Amino acid sequence: MNARFPAFRRGLAGLLFAAALLGLDPNSGARAQQSCQADFQRLTEKRMAQIAALNRLGKAGKGKMDPIAACPVARNLTGVETEMFNYMVKNKDWCAIPDNVIDTFKQARAKTQTFATQACGAAVKVKKMQEQQRQQAANPSNAPVKLPAGPL
């Protein structure tokens, strides 16, 4: 058995050398996992920051969000989630991401996009109403009309 062990080691060394020449790394799985974890951590932190900002807006409005303030935050959240989704699709095999995880995240991202669209649509309406109120305050059309005084 001792005579075969050095041959086994030479064979293993040869395989490792061939793998290195071909660009294969026996530790690539571990590196992939570390790389994926680091990337997901960074993207998750960005996502959670946007969610926290939306939660703060909700608390400040006692459950009702100001659409003008929520719109840009919701758009940012949609952007982060899109970046995260694209990363998941692109690195599905490298990071060993199951299809059901990608599908679930895709559905969550769609809900965020719907929320952002609604918030931004409401923000446009609120801004339009505010502008109309400013115009009415500056130029009141309901003021009584002054009739000319004196003989007609």
N, C-alpha and C. Protein backbone atom coordinates (compact mmCIF):
# COMPACT_ATOMS: atom_id res chain seq x y z
N MET A 1 0.82 -1.19 0.00
CA MET A 1 0.00 0.00 0.00
C MET A 1 0.87 1.25 0.00
N ASN A 2 2.01 1.23 0.69
CA ASN A 2 2.89 2.38 0.73
C ASN A 2 3.46 2.69 -0.65
N ALA A 3 3.65 1.69 -1.46
CA ALA A 3 4.20 1.90 -2.80
C ALA A 3 3.18 2.60 -3.68
N ARG A 4 1.90 2.35 -3.46
CA ARG A 4 0.87 2.97 -4.29
C ARG A 4 0.58 4.40 -3.85
N PHE A 5 0.76 4.73 -2.61
CA PHE A 5 0.43 6.06 -2.11
C PHE A 5 1.19 7.17 -2.84
N PRO A 6 2.52 7.05 -3.06
CA PRO A 6 3.20 8.09 -3.83
C PRO A 6 2.67 8.19 -5.26
N ALA A 7 2.29 7.09 -5.85
CA ALA A 7 1.74 7.12 -7.21
C ALA A 7 0.39 7.85 -7.20
N PHE A 8 -0.40 7.60 -6.16
CA PHE A 8 -1.68 8.29 -6.03
C PHE A 8 -1.46 9.80 -5.88
N ARG A 9 -0.46 10.17 -5.07
CA ARG A 9 -0.17 11.59 -4.86
C ARG A 9 0.30 12.23 -6.16
N ARG A 10 1.16 11.49 -6.93
CA ARG A 10 1.62 12.04 -8.21
C ARG A 10 0.43 12.20 -9.16
N GLY A 11 -0.47 11.22 -9.15
CA GLY A 11 -1.67 11.30 -10.00
C GLY A 11 -2.55 12.48 -9.61
N LEU A 12 -2.74 12.68 -8.31
CA LEU A 12 -3.53 13.80 -7.82
C LEU A 12 -2.86 15.12 -8.16
N ALA A 13 -1.55 15.18 -8.00
CA ALA A 13 -0.82 16.40 -8.34
C ALA A 13 -0.96 16.68 -9.84
N GLY A 14 -0.91 15.62 -10.64
CA GLY A 14 -1.08 15.78 -12.08
C GLY A 14 -2.46 16.31 -12.43
N LEU A 15 -3.48 15.78 -11.77
CA LEU A 15 -4.85 16.26 -12.00
C LEU A 15 -4.99 17.72 -11.61
N LEU A 16 -4.43 18.08 -10.46
CA LEU A 16 -4.50 19.48 -10.02
C LEU A 16 -3.77 20.40 -10.98
N PHE A 17 -2.61 19.93 -11.48
CA PHE A 17 -1.85 20.74 -12.44
C PHE A 17 -2.64 20.89 -13.74
N ALA A 18 -3.27 19.81 -14.22
CA ALA A 18 -4.06 19.87 -15.45
C ALA A 18 -5.27 20.80 -15.25
N ALA A 19 -5.89 20.71 -14.09
CA ALA A 19 -7.03 21.58 -13.80
C ALA A 19 -6.61 23.04 -13.80
N ALA A 20 -5.43 23.31 -13.25
CA ALA A 20 -4.92 24.68 -13.22
C ALA A 20 -4.64 25.18 -14.63
N LEU A 21 -4.12 24.31 -15.48
CA LEU A 21 -3.85 24.70 -16.87
C LEU A 21 -5.14 25.00 -17.61
N LEU A 22 -6.18 24.24 -17.32
CA LEU A 22 -7.47 24.43 -17.99
C LEU A 22 -8.28 25.56 -17.37
N GLY A 23 -7.77 26.13 -16.32
CA GLY A 23 -8.49 27.21 -15.66
C GLY A 23 -9.49 26.71 -14.63
N LEU A 24 -9.44 25.42 -14.33
CA LEU A 24 -10.34 24.86 -13.32
C LEU A 24 -9.66 24.94 -11.98
N ASP A 25 -10.38 25.29 -10.97
CA ASP A 25 -9.83 25.42 -9.64
C ASP A 25 -10.64 24.55 -8.70
N PRO A 26 -10.00 23.63 -7.99
CA PRO A 26 -10.76 22.78 -7.08
C PRO A 26 -11.43 23.58 -5.96
N ASN A 27 -10.96 24.77 -5.70
CA ASN A 27 -11.56 25.60 -4.66
C ASN A 27 -12.56 26.60 -5.22
N SER A 28 -12.89 26.50 -6.52
CA SER A 28 -13.77 27.49 -7.13
C SER A 28 -15.16 27.48 -6.52
N GLY A 29 -15.63 26.32 -6.06
CA GLY A 29 -16.94 26.26 -5.42
C GLY A 29 -16.97 27.11 -4.16
N ALA A 30 -15.92 27.01 -3.37
CA ALA A 30 -15.85 27.81 -2.14
C ALA A 30 -15.72 29.29 -2.48
N ARG A 31 -14.90 29.59 -3.49
CA ARG A 31 -14.76 31.00 -3.89
C ARG A 31 -16.06 31.54 -4.47
N ALA A 32 -16.78 30.72 -5.23
CA ALA A 32 -18.05 31.15 -5.79
C ALA A 32 -19.02 31.48 -4.67
N GLN A 33 -19.05 30.61 -3.67
CA GLN A 33 -19.96 30.85 -2.56
C GLN A 33 -19.59 32.12 -1.81
N GLN A 34 -18.31 32.35 -1.59
CA GLN A 34 -17.88 33.58 -0.91
C GLN A 34 -18.22 34.80 -1.75
N SER A 35 -17.97 34.72 -3.05
CA SER A 35 -18.26 35.83 -3.95
C SER A 35 -19.75 36.13 -3.97
N CYS A 36 -20.56 35.08 -4.09
CA CYS A 36 -22.01 35.25 -4.12
C CYS A 36 -22.51 35.84 -2.81
N GLN A 37 -22.00 35.34 -1.70
CA GLN A 37 -22.42 35.85 -0.40
C GLN A 37 -22.08 37.33 -0.26
N ALA A 38 -20.90 37.71 -0.69
CA ALA A 38 -20.49 39.12 -0.60
C ALA A 38 -21.38 40.00 -1.48
N ASP A 39 -21.64 39.53 -2.69
CA ASP A 39 -22.49 40.30 -3.61
C ASP A 39 -23.91 40.42 -3.07
N PHE A 40 -24.45 39.30 -2.58
CA PHE A 40 -25.81 39.33 -2.04
C PHE A 40 -25.89 40.20 -0.80
N GLN A 41 -24.86 40.17 0.02
CA GLN A 41 -24.84 41.00 1.22
C GLN A 41 -24.91 42.48 0.82
N ARG A 42 -24.10 42.87 -0.15
CA ARG A 42 -24.06 44.26 -0.60
C ARG A 42 -25.43 44.66 -1.17
N LEU A 43 -26.01 43.82 -2.03
CA LEU A 43 -27.30 44.13 -2.64
C LEU A 43 -28.42 44.13 -1.59
N THR A 44 -28.36 43.21 -0.66
CA THR A 44 -29.38 43.14 0.39
C THR A 44 -29.32 44.37 1.28
N GLU A 45 -28.13 44.84 1.59
CA GLU A 45 -27.99 46.05 2.41
C GLU A 45 -28.58 47.26 1.69
N LYS A 46 -28.34 47.37 0.39
CA LYS A 46 -28.92 48.47 -0.38
C LYS A 46 -30.45 48.38 -0.38
N ARG A 47 -30.95 47.16 -0.56
CA ARG A 47 -32.40 46.94 -0.60
C ARG A 47 -33.03 47.28 0.75
N MET A 48 -32.41 46.79 1.82
CA MET A 48 -32.96 47.02 3.16
C MET A 48 -32.93 48.50 3.54
N ALA A 49 -31.96 49.24 3.04
CA ALA A 49 -31.90 50.68 3.30
C ALA A 49 -33.11 51.38 2.68
N GLN A 50 -33.49 50.97 1.48
CA GLN A 50 -34.65 51.58 0.81
C GLN A 50 -35.94 51.18 1.52
N ILE A 51 -36.03 49.92 1.94
CA ILE A 51 -37.22 49.46 2.66
C ILE A 51 -37.34 50.20 3.99
N ALA A 52 -36.22 50.41 4.67
CA ALA A 52 -36.23 51.15 5.93
C ALA A 52 -36.68 52.59 5.70
N ALA A 53 -36.24 53.19 4.60
CA ALA A 53 -36.66 54.56 4.29
C ALA A 53 -38.17 54.62 4.05
N LEU A 54 -38.71 53.63 3.35
CA LEU A 54 -40.17 53.60 3.14
C LEU A 54 -40.90 53.39 4.47
N ASN A 55 -40.36 52.54 5.33
CA ASN A 55 -40.98 52.32 6.64
C ASN A 55 -40.98 53.59 7.47
N ARG A 56 -39.89 54.36 7.41
CA ARG A 56 -39.83 55.63 8.14
C ARG A 56 -40.89 56.60 7.61
N LEU A 57 -41.08 56.63 6.29
CA LEU A 57 -42.11 57.50 5.71
C LEU A 57 -43.50 57.09 6.20
N GLY A 58 -43.72 55.78 6.28
CA GLY A 58 -45.00 55.29 6.77
C GLY A 58 -45.24 55.64 8.22
N LYS A 59 -44.20 55.52 9.04
CA LYS A 59 -44.32 55.87 10.46
C LYS A 59 -44.55 57.36 10.63
N ALA A 60 -43.84 58.16 9.85
CA ALA A 60 -43.97 59.62 9.95
C ALA A 60 -45.39 60.05 9.58
N GLY A 61 -45.99 59.35 8.65
CA GLY A 61 -47.35 59.68 8.23
C GLY A 61 -48.41 58.91 8.99
N LYS A 62 -47.99 58.26 10.07
CA LYS A 62 -48.90 57.46 10.91
C LYS A 62 -49.68 56.44 10.07
N GLY A 63 -48.96 55.73 9.24
CA GLY A 63 -49.57 54.68 8.43
C GLY A 63 -49.89 55.11 7.01
N LYS A 64 -49.91 56.41 6.78
CA LYS A 64 -50.18 56.93 5.43
C LYS A 64 -48.90 57.54 4.89
N MET A 65 -48.52 57.10 3.72
CA MET A 65 -47.29 57.61 3.12
C MET A 65 -47.56 58.80 2.22
N ASP A 66 -46.69 59.77 2.33
CA ASP A 66 -46.73 60.91 1.42
C ASP A 66 -46.22 60.41 0.07
N PRO A 67 -47.07 60.41 -0.96
CA PRO A 67 -46.64 59.86 -2.24
C PRO A 67 -45.49 60.64 -2.88
N ILE A 68 -45.42 61.93 -2.60
CA ILE A 68 -44.33 62.73 -3.18
C ILE A 68 -42.99 62.29 -2.59
N ALA A 69 -42.97 61.99 -1.31
CA ALA A 69 -41.74 61.52 -0.67
C ALA A 69 -41.49 60.04 -0.99
N ALA A 70 -42.54 59.25 -1.12
CA ALA A 70 -42.40 57.81 -1.33
C ALA A 70 -41.97 57.46 -2.75
N CYS A 71 -42.34 58.26 -3.72
CA CYS A 71 -42.05 57.95 -5.13
C CYS A 71 -40.57 57.73 -5.40
N PRO A 72 -39.68 58.66 -5.07
CA PRO A 72 -38.27 58.42 -5.39
C PRO A 72 -37.67 57.25 -4.62
N VAL A 73 -38.13 57.04 -3.39
CA VAL A 73 -37.61 55.92 -2.60
C VAL A 73 -38.08 54.60 -3.21
N ALA A 74 -39.34 54.54 -3.61
CA ALA A 74 -39.88 53.34 -4.24
C ALA A 74 -39.18 53.06 -5.58
N ARG A 75 -38.89 54.11 -6.32
CA ARG A 75 -38.15 53.93 -7.58
C ARG A 75 -36.75 53.39 -7.31
N ASN A 76 -36.09 53.92 -6.27
CA ASN A 76 -34.76 53.42 -5.90
C ASN A 76 -34.84 51.95 -5.49
N LEU A 77 -35.86 51.59 -4.73
CA LEU A 77 -36.04 50.20 -4.32
C LEU A 77 -36.25 49.31 -5.54
N THR A 78 -37.03 49.76 -6.48
CA THR A 78 -37.25 49.00 -7.71
C THR A 78 -35.94 48.81 -8.46
N GLY A 79 -35.12 49.86 -8.51
CA GLY A 79 -33.83 49.76 -9.17
C GLY A 79 -32.91 48.76 -8.51
N VAL A 80 -32.88 48.78 -7.18
CA VAL A 80 -32.03 47.84 -6.43
C VAL A 80 -32.52 46.41 -6.64
N GLU A 81 -33.84 46.23 -6.59
CA GLU A 81 -34.39 44.89 -6.77
C GLU A 81 -34.16 44.39 -8.20
N THR A 82 -34.21 45.28 -9.16
CA THR A 82 -33.93 44.90 -10.55
C THR A 82 -32.46 44.48 -10.67
N GLU A 83 -31.57 45.23 -10.04
CA GLU A 83 -30.15 44.88 -10.05
C GLU A 83 -29.95 43.51 -9.39
N MET A 84 -30.64 43.29 -8.30
CA MET A 84 -30.53 42.02 -7.58
C MET A 84 -31.08 40.86 -8.42
N PHE A 85 -32.22 41.08 -9.05
CA PHE A 85 -32.83 40.05 -9.90
C PHE A 85 -31.92 39.72 -11.08
N ASN A 86 -31.39 40.73 -11.73
CA ASN A 86 -30.48 40.49 -12.86
C ASN A 86 -29.24 39.72 -12.41
N TYR A 87 -28.74 40.04 -11.24
CA TYR A 87 -27.58 39.31 -10.70
C TYR A 87 -27.94 37.84 -10.49
N MET A 88 -29.12 37.60 -9.93
CA MET A 88 -29.55 36.23 -9.66
C MET A 88 -29.67 35.43 -10.96
N VAL A 89 -30.26 36.03 -11.98
CA VAL A 89 -30.44 35.34 -13.25
C VAL A 89 -29.08 35.08 -13.91
N LYS A 90 -28.24 36.10 -13.92
CA LYS A 90 -26.93 35.98 -14.56
C LYS A 90 -26.03 34.96 -13.87
N ASN A 91 -26.10 34.90 -12.54
CA ASN A 91 -25.21 34.05 -11.76
C ASN A 91 -25.92 32.84 -11.16
N LYS A 92 -27.03 32.45 -11.77
CA LYS A 92 -27.83 31.33 -11.27
C LYS A 92 -26.99 30.08 -11.04
N ASP A 93 -26.22 29.70 -12.03
CA ASP A 93 -25.42 28.48 -11.92
C ASP A 93 -24.22 28.68 -11.01
N TRP A 94 -23.52 29.79 -11.17
CA TRP A 94 -22.32 30.07 -10.38
C TRP A 94 -22.64 30.11 -8.89
N CYS A 95 -23.77 30.70 -8.54
CA CYS A 95 -24.16 30.84 -7.14
C CYS A 95 -25.10 29.73 -6.67
N ALA A 96 -25.46 28.83 -7.58
CA ALA A 96 -26.37 27.71 -7.27
C ALA A 96 -27.69 28.22 -6.69
N ILE A 97 -28.32 29.14 -7.43
CA ILE A 97 -29.59 29.71 -6.99
C ILE A 97 -30.72 28.88 -7.60
N PRO A 98 -31.58 28.31 -6.77
CA PRO A 98 -32.70 27.51 -7.30
C PRO A 98 -33.70 28.38 -8.07
N ASP A 99 -34.35 27.77 -9.05
CA ASP A 99 -35.33 28.48 -9.87
C ASP A 99 -36.46 29.07 -9.03
N ASN A 100 -36.92 28.33 -8.01
CA ASN A 100 -38.04 28.83 -7.21
C ASN A 100 -37.67 30.10 -6.45
N VAL A 101 -36.41 30.24 -6.06
CA VAL A 101 -35.96 31.47 -5.38
C VAL A 101 -36.01 32.64 -6.35
N ILE A 102 -35.56 32.42 -7.57
CA ILE A 102 -35.59 33.47 -8.58
C ILE A 102 -37.03 33.85 -8.91
N ASP A 103 -37.91 32.85 -9.05
CA ASP A 103 -39.31 33.13 -9.35
C ASP A 103 -39.99 33.90 -8.22
N THR A 104 -39.71 33.53 -6.98
CA THR A 104 -40.30 34.23 -5.84
C THR A 104 -39.81 35.67 -5.78
N PHE A 105 -38.52 35.87 -6.03
CA PHE A 105 -37.98 37.23 -6.01
C PHE A 105 -38.56 38.05 -7.17
N LYS A 106 -38.77 37.41 -8.31
CA LYS A 106 -39.36 38.10 -9.46
C LYS A 106 -40.77 38.60 -9.13
N GLN A 107 -41.53 37.79 -8.41
CA GLN A 107 -42.88 38.20 -8.00
C GLN A 107 -42.83 39.36 -7.00
N ALA A 108 -41.90 39.29 -6.06
CA ALA A 108 -41.75 40.37 -5.08
C ALA A 108 -41.34 41.66 -5.78
N ARG A 109 -40.46 41.55 -6.76
CA ARG A 109 -40.02 42.72 -7.51
C ARG A 109 -41.18 43.34 -8.29
N ALA A 110 -42.05 42.50 -8.84
CA ALA A 110 -43.22 42.99 -9.57
C ALA A 110 -44.14 43.77 -8.64
N LYS A 111 -44.29 43.30 -7.41
CA LYS A 111 -45.13 44.02 -6.43
C LYS A 111 -44.51 45.37 -6.09
N THR A 112 -43.20 45.41 -5.96
CA THR A 112 -42.52 46.66 -5.68
C THR A 112 -42.70 47.63 -6.84
N GLN A 113 -42.61 47.12 -8.07
CA GLN A 113 -42.79 47.98 -9.24
C GLN A 113 -44.22 48.52 -9.29
N THR A 114 -45.19 47.71 -8.94
CA THR A 114 -46.58 48.16 -8.90
C THR A 114 -46.75 49.25 -7.85
N PHE A 115 -46.18 49.04 -6.68
CA PHE A 115 -46.24 50.04 -5.61
C PHE A 115 -45.60 51.35 -6.06
N ALA A 116 -44.43 51.26 -6.69
CA ALA A 116 -43.73 52.47 -7.15
C ALA A 116 -44.56 53.21 -8.19
N THR A 117 -45.16 52.47 -9.10
CA THR A 117 -46.01 53.09 -10.13
C THR A 117 -47.19 53.80 -9.49
N GLN A 118 -47.82 53.16 -8.50
CA GLN A 118 -48.95 53.78 -7.81
C GLN A 118 -48.52 55.00 -7.02
N ALA A 119 -47.40 54.90 -6.31
CA ALA A 119 -46.92 56.02 -5.51
C ALA A 119 -46.58 57.21 -6.40
N CYS A 120 -45.91 56.94 -7.50
CA CYS A 120 -45.52 58.03 -8.40
C CYS A 120 -46.73 58.62 -9.12
N GLY A 121 -47.70 57.78 -9.47
CA GLY A 121 -48.94 58.29 -10.06
C GLY A 121 -49.69 59.18 -9.09
N ALA A 122 -49.76 58.76 -7.83
CA ALA A 122 -50.41 59.58 -6.80
C ALA A 122 -49.64 60.86 -6.56
N ALA A 123 -48.31 60.80 -6.64
CA ALA A 123 -47.49 62.00 -6.44
C ALA A 123 -47.78 63.02 -7.54
N VAL A 124 -47.94 62.56 -8.76
CA VAL A 124 -48.26 63.47 -9.87
C VAL A 124 -49.60 64.14 -9.62
N LYS A 125 -50.60 63.38 -9.17
CA LYS A 125 -51.93 63.94 -8.89
C LYS A 125 -51.88 64.96 -7.74
N VAL A 126 -51.12 64.62 -6.69
CA VAL A 126 -51.01 65.53 -5.54
C VAL A 126 -50.34 66.83 -5.96
N LYS A 127 -49.27 66.72 -6.73
CA LYS A 127 -48.58 67.93 -7.20
C LYS A 127 -49.50 68.78 -8.07
N LYS A 128 -50.29 68.14 -8.91
CA LYS A 128 -51.22 68.88 -9.77
C LYS A 128 -52.28 69.59 -8.92
N MET A 129 -52.79 68.91 -7.91
CA MET A 129 -53.78 69.53 -7.04
C MET A 129 -53.18 70.70 -6.25
N GLN A 130 -51.94 70.52 -5.79
CA GLN A 130 -51.27 71.59 -5.06
C GLN A 130 -51.06 72.81 -5.96
N GLU A 131 -50.70 72.56 -7.21
CA GLU A 131 -50.51 73.67 -8.16
C GLU A 131 -51.83 74.39 -8.42
N GLN A 132 -52.91 73.63 -8.55
CA GLN A 132 -54.23 74.26 -8.75
C GLN A 132 -54.62 75.09 -7.54
N GLN A 133 -54.33 74.61 -6.35
CA GLN A 133 -54.64 75.37 -5.14
C GLN A 133 -53.83 76.65 -5.08
N ARG A 134 -52.55 76.58 -5.47
CA ARG A 134 -51.71 77.79 -5.48
C ARG A 134 -52.25 78.80 -6.49
N GLN A 135 -52.67 78.31 -7.65
CA GLN A 135 -53.20 79.23 -8.67
C GLN A 135 -54.49 79.86 -8.20
N GLN A 136 -55.34 79.09 -7.53
CA GLN A 136 -56.60 79.66 -7.03
C GLN A 136 -56.34 80.67 -5.93
N ALA A 137 -55.35 80.43 -5.11
CA ALA A 137 -55.03 81.35 -4.03
C ALA A 137 -54.44 82.64 -4.60
N ALA A 138 -53.67 82.53 -5.66
CA ALA A 138 -53.05 83.71 -6.27
C ALA A 138 -54.04 84.48 -7.12
N ASN A 139 -55.00 83.81 -7.70
CA ASN A 139 -55.97 84.44 -8.59
C ASN A 139 -57.35 83.91 -8.27
N PRO A 140 -57.93 84.42 -7.21
CA PRO A 140 -59.24 83.88 -6.80
C PRO A 140 -60.33 84.21 -7.82
N SER A 141 -60.92 83.20 -8.37
CA SER A 141 -61.99 83.41 -9.36
C SER A 141 -63.34 83.51 -8.69
N ASN A 142 -63.43 83.18 -7.41
CA ASN A 142 -64.69 83.26 -6.69
C ASN A 142 -64.88 84.60 -5.99
N ALA A 143 -64.00 85.54 -6.23
CA ALA A 143 -64.14 86.86 -5.60
C ALA A 143 -65.35 87.56 -6.20
N PRO A 144 -66.08 88.30 -5.38
CA PRO A 144 -67.26 89.00 -5.92
C PRO A 144 -66.85 90.03 -6.99
N VAL A 145 -67.66 90.08 -8.00
CA VAL A 145 -67.38 90.99 -9.11
C VAL A 145 -67.87 92.38 -8.69
N LYS A 146 -67.05 93.40 -8.86
CA LYS A 146 -67.42 94.77 -8.51
C LYS A 146 -68.17 95.37 -9.69
N LEU A 147 -69.32 95.83 -9.39
CA LEU A 147 -70.10 96.53 -10.43
C LEU A 147 -69.68 97.99 -10.45
N PRO A 148 -69.77 98.60 -11.62
CA PRO A 148 -69.40 100.01 -11.69
C PRO A 148 -70.34 100.87 -10.83
N ALA A 149 -69.76 101.83 -10.16
CA ALA A 149 -70.57 102.72 -9.31
C ALA A 149 -70.94 103.95 -10.11
N GLY A 150 -72.02 104.53 -9.77
CA GLY A 150 -72.44 105.77 -10.42
C GLY A 150 -73.56 105.51 -11.42
N PRO A 151 -73.98 106.57 -12.07
CA PRO A 151 -75.10 106.44 -13.01
C PRO A 151 -74.73 105.61 -14.23
N LEU A 152 -75.70 104.91 -14.70
CA LEU A 152 -75.48 104.08 -15.88
C LEU A 152 -75.94 104.78 -17.09
